[in-house]
Amino acid sequence: MIRLILFIQLLMGFSLAETQNAPVRVYTYDALTGKGSFAAYLGEEFKKKGGSVEWISFGTAGEALNQIVIEGEKTRADVIMGLDPVLFQKGADRKIFEPVSADVKRNIFPELLLKQAPAFVPYDFGYLAFVYDNRVTPALSSPSLESFVTQIRKTDKVVLQDPRTSLLGMEFLIWTREKLKSGFSQFWTNLVPHILTISPGWSGAYELFLRGQAQYVLSYTTSPAYHVMRENKDHIRAVLFQEGHFKQVEGLALLKTSKQKHKALELIRLVLSQEAQTQLPTYQWMYPVHKNVKLPKEFTKLEVPKMAEMNWQRVFREKEQWIKEWTLIMSKKSP
């Protein structure tokens, strides 16, 4: 009996040591990871604090969340990064997220926090916009979301992201449905002839735009800052609509099944620290959520659009029907 007890204690010791030495595993999307990425920066900084991170990336944040759902209680993930309110709600409905204390989020702009959702932790935000090259595409005169399709040239092409696979694509679908209401179907029907392709995610869509295969791509109002700071080029511009733009808030969440919540919370604190948030704009090309961060001058020169209001309860309730409507319209697109 004594030998059995000693053997069990030995096994428990090995298990504890394995957990203590294990990296914090973060499921996220491809564009956040890789060489020179925000994930790489965070990994190096976390290492200095005695921790380690394993980044497990997927094509989109939606795919990362789906994988966690499939893995269930056996998921290897401790944290998921790249959620917007829609994706977060999908996980929250399954009760897979752990609430994070208000103390951790004390420096975040209050308006970015989701009401009655303590598990959602914002880490950056930005405004959706069509981006174009002003060397080959003329600026539009006082454009609006509704008039965009009628103002662009007949031969102009647009690259979009698929709302069934892309967070950005889903948000644009929500934006058009919430803003245009009964004009939703007509807007998309008019846009169809201009669509070059529907990309699974942002990276593929933006690459097509950079190759000159389309005049417009759905991206962010902050995208021009990248070209100024990294390439010293100022010809990439964002189309700004008079009535406002969809405000994307990216967040992360701690998994209830994580066996190392303390270490995961330390990583979350690092992501939200003033030091990391100061670096975020030139990694993510988005705005930081920390209230006290000074933006690079290239960001301060950008015009910040008004925020288009969304009824999130209606979005959560009706988005699946909107996707069906959108899919039907797209099925009529000529090959």
C-alpha atoms as a PDB file:
ATOM      1  CA  MET A   1       0.000   0.000   0.000  1.00  0.00           C
ATOM      2  CA  ILE A   2       2.845   2.382   0.859  1.00  0.00           C
ATOM      3  CA  ARG A   3       4.458   1.656  -2.508  1.00  0.00           C
ATOM      4  CA  LEU A   4       1.166   2.392  -4.266  1.00  0.00           C
ATOM      5  CA  ILE A   5       0.827   5.715  -2.439  1.00  0.00           C
ATOM      6  CA  LEU A   6       4.413   6.652  -3.292  1.00  0.00           C
ATOM      7  CA  PHE A   7       3.814   5.712  -6.947  1.00  0.00           C
ATOM      8  CA  ILE A   8       0.660   7.859  -7.107  1.00  0.00           C
ATOM      9  CA  GLN A   9       2.505  10.782  -5.510  1.00  0.00           C
ATOM     10  CA  LEU A  10       5.303  10.375  -8.036  1.00  0.00           C
ATOM     11  CA  LEU A  11       2.825  10.466 -10.914  1.00  0.00           C
ATOM     12  CA  MET A  12       1.151  13.537  -9.431  1.00  0.00           C
ATOM     13  CA  GLY A  13       4.547  15.192  -9.149  1.00  0.00           C
ATOM     14  CA  PHE A  14       5.316  14.517 -12.803  1.00  0.00           C
ATOM     15  CA  SER A  15       1.890  15.855 -13.802  1.00  0.00           C
ATOM     16  CA  LEU A  16       2.375  19.026 -11.743  1.00  0.00           C
ATOM     17  CA  ALA A  17       5.853  19.610 -13.164  1.00  0.00           C
ATOM     18  CA  GLU A  18       4.550  19.085 -16.692  1.00  0.00           C
ATOM     19  CA  THR A  19       1.810  21.696 -16.125  1.00  0.00           C
ATOM     20  CA  GLN A  20       4.241  24.155 -14.559  1.00  0.00           C
ATOM     21  CA  ASN A  21       6.622  23.881 -17.505  1.00  0.00           C
ATOM     22  CA  ALA A  22       3.966  23.871 -20.206  1.00  0.00           C
ATOM     23  CA  PRO A  23       3.638  26.947 -22.432  1.00  0.00           C
ATOM     24  CA  VAL A  24       0.494  29.031 -22.524  1.00  0.00           C
ATOM     25  CA  ARG A  25      -1.231  27.838 -25.681  1.00  0.00           C
ATOM     26  CA  VAL A  26      -3.009  30.486 -27.722  1.00  0.00           C
ATOM     27  CA  TYR A  27      -5.331  29.647 -30.621  1.00  0.00           C
ATOM     28  CA  THR A  28      -5.543  32.530 -33.087  1.00  0.00           C
ATOM     29  CA  TYR A  29      -5.529  33.502 -36.772  1.00  0.00           C
ATOM     30  CA  ASP A  30      -2.519  33.350 -39.117  1.00  0.00           C
ATOM     31  CA  ALA A  31      -2.054  37.096 -39.657  1.00  0.00           C
ATOM     32  CA  LEU A  32      -1.390  37.658 -35.952  1.00  0.00           C
ATOM     33  CA  THR A  33       1.508  35.180 -35.895  1.00  0.00           C
ATOM     34  CA  GLY A  34       4.781  34.585 -37.732  1.00  0.00           C
ATOM     35  CA  LYS A  35       8.096  36.386 -37.983  1.00  0.00           C
ATOM     36  CA  GLY A  36       7.918  40.071 -37.039  1.00  0.00           C
ATOM     37  CA  SER A  37       4.343  39.728 -35.774  1.00  0.00           C
ATOM     38  CA  PHE A  38       2.607  40.918 -32.624  1.00  0.00           C
ATOM     39  CA  ALA A  39       2.582  37.306 -31.448  1.00  0.00           C
ATOM     40  CA  ALA A  40       6.355  37.064 -31.913  1.00  0.00           C
ATOM     41  CA  TYR A  41       6.823  40.269 -29.909  1.00  0.00           C
ATOM     42  CA  LEU A  42       4.574  39.011 -27.112  1.00  0.00           C
ATOM     43  CA  GLY A  43       6.389  35.682 -27.041  1.00  0.00           C
ATOM     44  CA  GLU A  44       9.761  37.371 -26.549  1.00  0.00           C
ATOM     45  CA  GLU A  45       8.428  39.693 -23.851  1.00  0.00           C
ATOM     46  CA  PHE A  46       6.699  36.843 -22.018  1.00  0.00           C
ATOM     47  CA  LYS A  47       9.914  34.833 -22.142  1.00  0.00           C
ATOM     48  CA  LYS A  48      11.680  37.680 -20.315  1.00  0.00           C
ATOM     49  CA  LYS A  49       9.125  37.227 -17.535  1.00  0.00           C
ATOM     50  CA  GLY A  50       9.921  33.529 -17.278  1.00  0.00           C
ATOM     51  CA  GLY A  51       7.008  32.242 -19.331  1.00  0.00           C
ATOM     52  CA  SER A  52       6.564  30.745 -22.773  1.00  0.00           C
ATOM     53  CA  VAL A  53       3.812  30.840 -25.382  1.00  0.00           C
ATOM     54  CA  GLU A  54       2.830  28.353 -28.062  1.00  0.00           C
ATOM     55  CA  TRP A  55       0.900  30.010 -30.869  1.00  0.00           C
ATOM     56  CA  ILE A  56      -1.434  27.663 -32.735  1.00  0.00           C
ATOM     57  CA  SER A  57      -2.759  29.526 -35.761  1.00  0.00           C
ATOM     58  CA  PHE A  58      -5.609  28.967 -38.178  1.00  0.00           C
ATOM     59  CA  GLY A  59      -6.714  30.701 -41.356  1.00  0.00           C
ATOM     60  CA  THR A  60      -9.250  32.777 -39.436  1.00  0.00           C
ATOM     61  CA  ALA A  61     -10.329  33.366 -35.844  1.00  0.00           C
ATOM     62  CA  GLY A  62     -13.579  31.604 -36.684  1.00  0.00           C
ATOM     63  CA  GLU A  63     -11.646  28.445 -37.553  1.00  0.00           C
ATOM     64  CA  ALA A  64      -9.714  28.732 -34.284  1.00  0.00           C
ATOM     65  CA  LEU A  65     -12.960  28.931 -32.310  1.00  0.00           C
ATOM     66  CA  ASN A  66     -14.484  26.037 -34.256  1.00  0.00           C
ATOM     67  CA  GLN A  67     -11.466  23.898 -33.394  1.00  0.00           C
ATOM     68  CA  ILE A  68     -11.895  24.656 -29.697  1.00  0.00           C
ATOM     69  CA  VAL A  69     -15.568  23.709 -29.925  1.00  0.00           C
ATOM     70  CA  ILE A  70     -14.662  20.444 -31.682  1.00  0.00           C
ATOM     71  CA  GLU A  71     -11.983  19.593 -29.104  1.00  0.00           C
ATOM     72  CA  GLY A  72     -14.344  20.314 -26.243  1.00  0.00           C
ATOM     73  CA  GLU A  73     -12.973  19.745 -22.751  1.00  0.00           C
ATOM     74  CA  LYS A  74      -9.838  18.176 -24.231  1.00  0.00           C
ATOM     75  CA  THR A  75      -8.806  21.354 -26.061  1.00  0.00           C
ATOM     76  CA  ARG A  76      -5.153  22.307 -25.721  1.00  0.00           C
ATOM     77  CA  ALA A  77      -6.021  26.010 -25.839  1.00  0.00           C
ATOM     78  CA  ASP A  78      -5.639  28.226 -22.794  1.00  0.00           C
ATOM     79  CA  VAL A  79      -6.510  31.467 -24.594  1.00  0.00           C
ATOM     80  CA  ILE A  80      -8.120  32.404 -27.902  1.00  0.00           C
ATOM     81  CA  MET A  81      -7.211  35.702 -29.608  1.00  0.00           C
ATOM     82  CA  GLY A  82      -8.998  37.428 -32.464  1.00  0.00           C
ATOM     83  CA  LEU A  83     -12.631  37.321 -31.356  1.00  0.00           C
ATOM     84  CA  ASP A  84     -15.119  40.031 -32.223  1.00  0.00           C
ATOM     85  CA  PRO A  85     -18.470  40.282 -30.367  1.00  0.00           C
ATOM     86  CA  VAL A  86     -20.159  37.865 -32.810  1.00  0.00           C
ATOM     87  CA  LEU A  87     -17.525  35.142 -32.447  1.00  0.00           C
ATOM     88  CA  PHE A  88     -17.306  35.726 -28.716  1.00  0.00           C
ATOM     89  CA  GLN A  89     -21.055  35.254 -28.363  1.00  0.00           C
ATOM     90  CA  LYS A  90     -20.799  31.944 -30.222  1.00  0.00           C
ATOM     91  CA  GLY A  91     -18.349  30.723 -27.586  1.00  0.00           C
ATOM     92  CA  ALA A  92     -20.209  32.349 -24.700  1.00  0.00           C
ATOM     93  CA  ASP A  93     -23.387  30.505 -25.702  1.00  0.00           C
ATOM     94  CA  ARG A  94     -21.431  27.270 -25.189  1.00  0.00           C
ATOM     95  CA  LYS A  95     -20.152  28.510 -21.807  1.00  0.00           C
ATOM     96  CA  ILE A  96     -16.512  27.821 -22.675  1.00  0.00           C
ATOM     97  CA  PHE A  97     -14.996  31.121 -21.469  1.00  0.00           C
ATOM     98  CA  GLU A  98     -13.769  32.102 -18.010  1.00  0.00           C
ATOM     99  CA  PRO A  99     -14.673  35.583 -16.678  1.00  0.00           C
ATOM    100  CA  VAL A 100     -11.699  37.934 -16.293  1.00  0.00           C
ATOM    101  CA  SER A 101     -11.657  40.390 -13.394  1.00  0.00           C
ATOM    102  CA  ALA A 102     -12.285  44.089 -13.986  1.00  0.00           C
ATOM    103  CA  ASP A 103      -8.847  44.833 -12.522  1.00  0.00           C
ATOM    104  CA  VAL A 104      -7.173  43.218 -15.537  1.00  0.00           C
ATOM    105  CA  LYS A 105      -9.181  45.495 -17.874  1.00  0.00           C
ATOM    106  CA  ARG A 106      -8.936  48.714 -15.859  1.00  0.00           C
ATOM    107  CA  ASN A 107      -6.929  50.638 -18.502  1.00  0.00           C
ATOM    108  CA  ILE A 108      -9.149  49.716 -21.461  1.00  0.00           C
ATOM    109  CA  PHE A 109     -11.412  52.386 -22.988  1.00  0.00           C
ATOM    110  CA  PRO A 110     -14.750  51.652 -21.225  1.00  0.00           C
ATOM    111  CA  GLU A 111     -16.781  51.896 -24.438  1.00  0.00           C
ATOM    112  CA  LEU A 112     -14.889  48.891 -25.874  1.00  0.00           C
ATOM    113  CA  LEU A 113     -16.019  46.524 -23.123  1.00  0.00           C
ATOM    114  CA  LEU A 114     -19.064  44.370 -23.757  1.00  0.00           C
ATOM    115  CA  LYS A 115     -21.840  44.854 -21.222  1.00  0.00           C
ATOM    116  CA  GLN A 116     -22.493  41.787 -19.078  1.00  0.00           C
ATOM    117  CA  ALA A 117     -19.613  39.905 -20.738  1.00  0.00           C
ATOM    118  CA  PRO A 118     -16.703  39.830 -18.252  1.00  0.00           C
ATOM    119  CA  ALA A 119     -14.964  37.104 -20.255  1.00  0.00           C
ATOM    120  CA  PHE A 120     -14.418  39.345 -23.303  1.00  0.00           C
ATOM    121  CA  VAL A 121     -11.070  41.182 -23.195  1.00  0.00           C
ATOM    122  CA  PRO A 122     -10.515  43.751 -25.996  1.00  0.00           C
ATOM    123  CA  TYR A 123      -6.925  44.276 -27.154  1.00  0.00           C
ATOM    124  CA  ASP A 124      -7.263  46.399 -30.329  1.00  0.00           C
ATOM    125  CA  PHE A 125      -9.876  48.097 -32.505  1.00  0.00           C
ATOM    126  CA  GLY A 126     -10.279  49.673 -35.934  1.00  0.00           C
ATOM    127  CA  TYR A 127     -12.808  50.868 -38.481  1.00  0.00           C
ATOM    128  CA  LEU A 128     -13.789  48.885 -41.584  1.00  0.00           C
ATOM    129  CA  ALA A 129     -13.283  50.723 -44.871  1.00  0.00           C
ATOM    130  CA  PHE A 130     -12.720  50.247 -48.574  1.00  0.00           C
ATOM    131  CA  VAL A 131      -9.101  50.978 -49.457  1.00  0.00           C
ATOM    132  CA  TYR A 132      -7.894  52.152 -52.883  1.00  0.00           C
ATOM    133  CA  ASP A 133      -4.773  53.375 -54.719  1.00  0.00           C
ATOM    134  CA  ASN A 134      -5.261  57.049 -55.595  1.00  0.00           C
ATOM    135  CA  ARG A 135      -2.694  56.832 -58.414  1.00  0.00           C
ATOM    136  CA  VAL A 136      -5.104  54.747 -60.488  1.00  0.00           C
ATOM    137  CA  THR A 137      -8.486  55.209 -58.803  1.00  0.00           C
ATOM    138  CA  PRO A 138     -10.048  58.651 -58.324  1.00  0.00           C
ATOM    139  CA  ALA A 139     -11.441  59.713 -54.952  1.00  0.00           C
ATOM    140  CA  LEU A 140     -15.219  59.585 -54.594  1.00  0.00           C
ATOM    141  CA  SER A 141     -17.205  62.732 -53.884  1.00  0.00           C
ATOM    142  CA  SER A 142     -18.978  62.681 -50.487  1.00  0.00           C
ATOM    143  CA  PRO A 143     -19.547  58.921 -50.558  1.00  0.00           C
ATOM    144  CA  SER A 144     -21.842  56.958 -48.285  1.00  0.00           C
ATOM    145  CA  LEU A 145     -22.199  53.220 -47.766  1.00  0.00           C
ATOM    146  CA  GLU A 146     -25.414  53.222 -49.787  1.00  0.00           C
ATOM    147  CA  SER A 147     -24.029  55.305 -52.673  1.00  0.00           C
ATOM    148  CA  PHE A 148     -20.662  53.533 -52.896  1.00  0.00           C
ATOM    149  CA  VAL A 149     -21.839  51.056 -55.527  1.00  0.00           C
ATOM    150  CA  THR A 150     -23.367  53.754 -57.731  1.00  0.00           C
ATOM    151  CA  GLN A 151     -20.344  56.063 -57.447  1.00  0.00           C
ATOM    152  CA  ILE A 152     -17.545  53.692 -58.402  1.00  0.00           C
ATOM    153  CA  ARG A 153     -16.746  53.271 -62.093  1.00  0.00           C
ATOM    154  CA  LYS A 154     -18.522  50.593 -64.090  1.00  0.00           C
ATOM    155  CA  THR A 155     -15.288  48.659 -64.634  1.00  0.00           C
ATOM    156  CA  ASP A 156     -14.033  48.925 -61.038  1.00  0.00           C
ATOM    157  CA  LYS A 157     -13.568  45.659 -59.168  1.00  0.00           C
ATOM    158  CA  VAL A 158     -13.827  44.993 -55.449  1.00  0.00           C
ATOM    159  CA  VAL A 159     -12.345  42.202 -53.320  1.00  0.00           C
ATOM    160  CA  LEU A 160     -14.323  41.148 -50.242  1.00  0.00           C
ATOM    161  CA  GLN A 161     -14.067  38.522 -47.525  1.00  0.00           C
ATOM    162  CA  ASP A 162     -16.493  35.646 -47.020  1.00  0.00           C
ATOM    163  CA  PRO A 163     -18.765  36.202 -43.990  1.00  0.00           C
ATOM    164  CA  ARG A 164     -18.949  32.435 -43.486  1.00  0.00           C
ATOM    165  CA  THR A 165     -15.200  32.207 -42.857  1.00  0.00           C
ATOM    166  CA  SER A 166     -13.931  35.728 -42.165  1.00  0.00           C
ATOM    167  CA  LEU A 167     -14.569  37.979 -39.184  1.00  0.00           C
ATOM    168  CA  LEU A 168     -14.109  40.992 -41.460  1.00  0.00           C
ATOM    169  CA  GLY A 169     -16.547  39.575 -44.003  1.00  0.00           C
ATOM    170  CA  MET A 170     -19.159  38.894 -41.350  1.00  0.00           C
ATOM    171  CA  GLU A 171     -18.810  42.404 -39.945  1.00  0.00           C
ATOM    172  CA  PHE A 172     -19.252  43.991 -43.375  1.00  0.00           C
ATOM    173  CA  LEU A 173     -22.380  41.888 -43.880  1.00  0.00           C
ATOM    174  CA  ILE A 174     -23.696  43.049 -40.478  1.00  0.00           C
ATOM    175  CA  TRP A 175     -22.813  46.649 -41.294  1.00  0.00           C
ATOM    176  CA  THR A 176     -24.728  46.619 -44.585  1.00  0.00           C
ATOM    177  CA  ARG A 177     -27.727  44.869 -43.042  1.00  0.00           C
ATOM    178  CA  GLU A 178     -27.905  47.106 -39.967  1.00  0.00           C
ATOM    179  CA  LYS A 179     -27.333  50.357 -41.849  1.00  0.00           C
ATOM    180  CA  LEU A 180     -29.261  49.734 -45.076  1.00  0.00           C
ATOM    181  CA  LYS A 181     -32.162  47.755 -43.599  1.00  0.00           C
ATOM    182  CA  SER A 182     -34.577  47.081 -46.494  1.00  0.00           C
ATOM    183  CA  GLY A 183     -31.949  48.303 -48.982  1.00  0.00           C
ATOM    184  CA  PHE A 184     -29.610  45.441 -48.034  1.00  0.00           C
ATOM    185  CA  SER A 185     -30.570  43.123 -50.902  1.00  0.00           C
ATOM    186  CA  GLN A 186     -30.439  45.864 -53.533  1.00  0.00           C
ATOM    187  CA  PHE A 187     -27.017  47.026 -52.331  1.00  0.00           C
ATOM    188  CA  TRP A 188     -25.539  43.544 -52.647  1.00  0.00           C
ATOM    189  CA  THR A 189     -27.305  42.885 -55.956  1.00  0.00           C
ATOM    190  CA  ASN A 190     -25.764  46.087 -57.361  1.00  0.00           C
ATOM    191  CA  LEU A 191     -22.361  45.193 -55.904  1.00  0.00           C
ATOM    192  CA  VAL A 192     -22.234  41.687 -57.406  1.00  0.00           C
ATOM    193  CA  PRO A 193     -21.042  42.760 -60.908  1.00  0.00           C
ATOM    194  CA  HIS A 194     -18.116  44.589 -59.293  1.00  0.00           C
ATOM    195  CA  ILE A 195     -16.928  41.684 -57.124  1.00  0.00           C
ATOM    196  CA  LEU A 196     -13.701  40.168 -58.413  1.00  0.00           C
ATOM    197  CA  THR A 197     -13.759  37.408 -55.805  1.00  0.00           C
ATOM    198  CA  ILE A 198     -14.830  36.561 -52.284  1.00  0.00           C
ATOM    199  CA  SER A 199     -11.712  35.651 -50.291  1.00  0.00           C
ATOM    200  CA  PRO A 200     -11.745  33.345 -47.235  1.00  0.00           C
ATOM    201  CA  GLY A 201      -9.837  35.969 -45.228  1.00  0.00           C
ATOM    202  CA  TRP A 202      -8.182  39.394 -45.184  1.00  0.00           C
ATOM    203  CA  SER A 203      -4.655  38.385 -46.284  1.00  0.00           C
ATOM    204  CA  GLY A 204      -5.683  36.817 -49.579  1.00  0.00           C
ATOM    205  CA  ALA A 205      -8.020  39.689 -50.403  1.00  0.00           C
ATOM    206  CA  TYR A 206      -5.407  42.370 -49.686  1.00  0.00           C
ATOM    207  CA  GLU A 207      -2.800  40.536 -51.747  1.00  0.00           C
ATOM    208  CA  LEU A 208      -5.083  40.626 -54.799  1.00  0.00           C
ATOM    209  CA  PHE A 209      -5.566  44.355 -54.286  1.00  0.00           C
ATOM    210  CA  LEU A 210      -1.819  44.988 -54.013  1.00  0.00           C
ATOM    211  CA  ARG A 211      -1.300  43.076 -57.266  1.00  0.00           C
ATOM    212  CA  GLY A 212      -3.612  45.552 -58.966  1.00  0.00           C
ATOM    213  CA  GLN A 213      -6.301  43.005 -59.749  1.00  0.00           C
ATOM    214  CA  ALA A 214      -8.991  45.077 -58.024  1.00  0.00           C
ATOM    215  CA  GLN A 215      -9.494  48.800 -57.448  1.00  0.00           C
ATOM    216  CA  TYR A 216     -10.951  48.378 -53.953  1.00  0.00           C
ATOM    217  CA  VAL A 217     -10.495  45.953 -51.066  1.00  0.00           C
ATOM    218  CA  LEU A 218     -12.336  45.776 -47.777  1.00  0.00           C
ATOM    219  CA  SER A 219      -9.799  46.561 -45.051  1.00  0.00           C
ATOM    220  CA  TYR A 220      -9.394  49.258 -42.381  1.00  0.00           C
ATOM    221  CA  THR A 221      -9.053  53.034 -42.182  1.00  0.00           C
ATOM    222  CA  THR A 222      -5.627  52.416 -40.617  1.00  0.00           C
ATOM    223  CA  SER A 223      -4.268  50.417 -43.574  1.00  0.00           C
ATOM    224  CA  PRO A 224      -2.762  53.537 -45.230  1.00  0.00           C
ATOM    225  CA  ALA A 225      -0.536  54.031 -42.144  1.00  0.00           C
ATOM    226  CA  TYR A 226       1.205  50.740 -42.899  1.00  0.00           C
ATOM    227  CA  HIS A 227       2.203  51.881 -46.389  1.00  0.00           C
ATOM    228  CA  VAL A 228       3.460  55.225 -45.102  1.00  0.00           C
ATOM    229  CA  MET A 229       5.504  53.771 -42.236  1.00  0.00           C
ATOM    230  CA  ARG A 230       6.794  50.599 -43.882  1.00  0.00           C
ATOM    231  CA  GLU A 231       7.086  51.673 -47.520  1.00  0.00           C
ATOM    232  CA  ASN A 232       7.170  55.483 -47.353  1.00  0.00           C
ATOM    233  CA  LYS A 233       4.234  55.529 -49.795  1.00  0.00           C
ATOM    234  CA  ASP A 234       1.127  57.642 -49.317  1.00  0.00           C
ATOM    235  CA  HIS A 235      -0.964  56.606 -52.317  1.00  0.00           C
ATOM    236  CA  ILE A 236      -3.105  54.060 -50.447  1.00  0.00           C
ATOM    237  CA  ARG A 237      -6.226  55.762 -49.110  1.00  0.00           C
ATOM    238  CA  ALA A 238      -9.424  54.783 -47.308  1.00  0.00           C
ATOM    239  CA  VAL A 239     -12.886  55.733 -48.543  1.00  0.00           C
ATOM    240  CA  LEU A 240     -14.595  57.567 -45.688  1.00  0.00           C
ATOM    241  CA  PHE A 241     -18.374  57.473 -45.508  1.00  0.00           C
ATOM    242  CA  GLN A 242     -20.290  60.462 -44.160  1.00  0.00           C
ATOM    243  CA  GLU A 243     -22.582  58.445 -41.917  1.00  0.00           C
ATOM    244  CA  GLY A 244     -19.863  56.480 -40.113  1.00  0.00           C
ATOM    245  CA  HIS A 245     -18.108  53.116 -40.196  1.00  0.00           C
ATOM    246  CA  PHE A 246     -18.337  49.748 -38.497  1.00  0.00           C
ATOM    247  CA  LYS A 247     -16.024  49.665 -35.469  1.00  0.00           C
ATOM    248  CA  GLN A 248     -14.294  46.319 -35.123  1.00  0.00           C
ATOM    249  CA  VAL A 249     -13.163  45.404 -31.620  1.00  0.00           C
ATOM    250  CA  GLU A 250     -10.801  42.438 -31.410  1.00  0.00           C
ATOM    251  CA  GLY A 251     -10.636  40.590 -28.144  1.00  0.00           C
ATOM    252  CA  LEU A 252      -9.308  37.512 -26.434  1.00  0.00           C
ATOM    253  CA  ALA A 253     -10.809  35.098 -23.944  1.00  0.00           C
ATOM    254  CA  LEU A 254      -9.534  32.672 -21.327  1.00  0.00           C
ATOM    255  CA  LEU A 255     -10.794  29.088 -21.654  1.00  0.00           C
ATOM    256  CA  LYS A 256     -12.580  27.518 -18.680  1.00  0.00           C
ATOM    257  CA  THR A 257     -10.747  24.275 -19.382  1.00  0.00           C
ATOM    258  CA  SER A 258      -7.285  25.852 -19.060  1.00  0.00           C
ATOM    259  CA  LYS A 259      -5.150  24.074 -16.482  1.00  0.00           C
ATOM    260  CA  GLN A 260      -2.853  27.072 -16.118  1.00  0.00           C
ATOM    261  CA  LYS A 261      -5.154  30.034 -15.731  1.00  0.00           C
ATOM    262  CA  HIS A 262      -2.651  31.945 -13.601  1.00  0.00           C
ATOM    263  CA  LYS A 263       0.008  31.905 -16.343  1.00  0.00           C
ATOM    264  CA  ALA A 264      -2.611  32.634 -19.003  1.00  0.00           C
ATOM    265  CA  LEU A 265      -3.752  35.686 -17.053  1.00  0.00           C
ATOM    266  CA  GLU A 266      -0.152  36.887 -16.864  1.00  0.00           C
ATOM    267  CA  LEU A 267       0.005  36.718 -20.661  1.00  0.00           C
ATOM    268  CA  ILE A 268      -3.288  38.617 -20.901  1.00  0.00           C
ATOM    269  CA  ARG A 269      -1.893  41.298 -18.590  1.00  0.00           C
ATOM    270  CA  LEU A 270       1.131  41.572 -20.877  1.00  0.00           C
ATOM    271  CA  VAL A 271      -1.085  42.018 -23.965  1.00  0.00           C
ATOM    272  CA  LEU A 272      -2.903  44.856 -22.189  1.00  0.00           C
ATOM    273  CA  SER A 273       0.192  46.483 -20.700  1.00  0.00           C
ATOM    274  CA  GLN A 274       1.089  50.010 -21.769  1.00  0.00           C
ATOM    275  CA  GLU A 275       4.383  48.741 -23.212  1.00  0.00           C
ATOM    276  CA  ALA A 276       2.766  46.104 -25.439  1.00  0.00           C
ATOM    277  CA  GLN A 277      -0.124  48.385 -26.395  1.00  0.00           C
ATOM    278  CA  THR A 278       2.382  51.054 -27.470  1.00  0.00           C
ATOM    279  CA  GLN A 279       3.913  48.518 -29.861  1.00  0.00           C
ATOM    280  CA  LEU A 280       0.562  47.182 -31.109  1.00  0.00           C
ATOM    281  CA  PRO A 281      -0.243  49.815 -33.784  1.00  0.00           C
ATOM    282  CA  THR A 282       2.827  48.970 -35.882  1.00  0.00           C
ATOM    283  CA  TYR A 283       2.271  45.221 -35.540  1.00  0.00           C
ATOM    284  CA  GLN A 284      -1.497  44.985 -35.916  1.00  0.00           C
ATOM    285  CA  TRP A 285      -2.074  48.272 -37.797  1.00  0.00           C
ATOM    286  CA  MET A 286      -5.014  48.871 -35.512  1.00  0.00           C
ATOM    287  CA  TYR A 287      -5.682  51.202 -32.595  1.00  0.00           C
ATOM    288  CA  PRO A 288      -4.626  50.122 -29.083  1.00  0.00           C
ATOM    289  CA  VAL A 289      -7.249  49.754 -26.347  1.00  0.00           C
ATOM    290  CA  HIS A 290      -5.070  51.214 -23.568  1.00  0.00           C
ATOM    291  CA  LYS A 291      -6.250  54.683 -22.562  1.00  0.00           C
ATOM    292  CA  ASN A 292      -2.770  56.107 -21.998  1.00  0.00           C
ATOM    293  CA  VAL A 293      -0.933  55.029 -25.149  1.00  0.00           C
ATOM    294  CA  LYS A 294       0.538  57.702 -27.409  1.00  0.00           C
ATOM    295  CA  LEU A 295      -0.079  56.886 -31.067  1.00  0.00           C
ATOM    296  CA  PRO A 296       2.584  57.098 -33.800  1.00  0.00           C
ATOM    297  CA  LYS A 297       2.313  60.397 -35.699  1.00  0.00           C
ATOM    298  CA  GLU A 298       1.230  58.520 -38.834  1.00  0.00           C
ATOM    299  CA  PHE A 299      -1.831  57.316 -36.931  1.00  0.00           C
ATOM    300  CA  THR A 300      -2.640  60.753 -35.537  1.00  0.00           C
ATOM    301  CA  LYS A 301      -2.793  62.084 -39.104  1.00  0.00           C
ATOM    302  CA  LEU A 302      -5.529  59.613 -40.029  1.00  0.00           C
ATOM    303  CA  GLU A 303      -9.098  60.837 -39.948  1.00  0.00           C
ATOM    304  CA  VAL A 304     -11.067  58.889 -37.357  1.00  0.00           C
ATOM    305  CA  PRO A 305     -14.568  58.212 -38.703  1.00  0.00           C
ATOM    306  CA  LYS A 306     -17.781  58.258 -36.767  1.00  0.00           C
ATOM    307  CA  MET A 307     -18.908  54.901 -35.434  1.00  0.00           C
ATOM    308  CA  ALA A 308     -21.948  53.326 -37.063  1.00  0.00           C
ATOM    309  CA  GLU A 309     -24.262  52.066 -34.326  1.00  0.00           C
ATOM    310  CA  MET A 310     -25.148  48.364 -34.236  1.00  0.00           C
ATOM    311  CA  ASN A 311     -28.002  46.635 -32.434  1.00  0.00           C
ATOM    312  CA  TRP A 312     -26.010  43.638 -31.186  1.00  0.00           C
ATOM    313  CA  GLN A 313     -28.992  41.789 -29.772  1.00  0.00           C
ATOM    314  CA  ARG A 314     -30.633  41.864 -33.195  1.00  0.00           C
ATOM    315  CA  VAL A 315     -27.318  40.860 -34.793  1.00  0.00           C
ATOM    316  CA  PHE A 316     -26.963  37.804 -32.537  1.00  0.00           C
ATOM    317  CA  ARG A 317     -30.575  36.855 -33.154  1.00  0.00           C
ATOM    318  CA  GLU A 318     -30.743  37.306 -36.941  1.00  0.00           C
ATOM    319  CA  LYS A 319     -27.212  36.981 -38.371  1.00  0.00           C
ATOM    320  CA  GLU A 320     -27.719  33.400 -39.573  1.00  0.00           C
ATOM    321  CA  GLN A 321     -30.724  34.497 -41.615  1.00  0.00           C
ATOM    322  CA  TRP A 322     -28.702  37.380 -43.056  1.00  0.00           C
ATOM    323  CA  ILE A 323     -26.006  34.947 -44.172  1.00  0.00           C
ATOM    324  CA  LYS A 324     -28.661  32.862 -45.930  1.00  0.00           C
ATOM    325  CA  GLU A 325     -29.974  35.979 -47.713  1.00  0.00           C
ATOM    326  CA  TRP A 326     -26.435  36.969 -48.711  1.00  0.00           C
ATOM    327  CA  THR A 327     -25.636  33.454 -49.951  1.00  0.00           C
ATOM    328  CA  LEU A 328     -28.739  33.474 -52.145  1.00  0.00           C
ATOM    329  CA  ILE A 329     -27.730  36.811 -53.689  1.00  0.00           C
ATOM    330  CA  MET A 330     -24.156  35.574 -54.291  1.00  0.00           C
ATOM    331  CA  SER A 331     -25.450  32.377 -55.936  1.00  0.00           C
ATOM    332  CA  LYS A 332     -26.855  34.558 -58.715  1.00  0.00           C
ATOM    333  CA  LYS A 333     -23.406  36.041 -59.435  1.00  0.00           C
ATOM    334  CA  SER A 334     -22.354  35.417 -63.032  1.00  0.00           C
ATOM    335  CA  PRO A 335     -19.273  33.140 -63.362  1.00  0.00           C
END
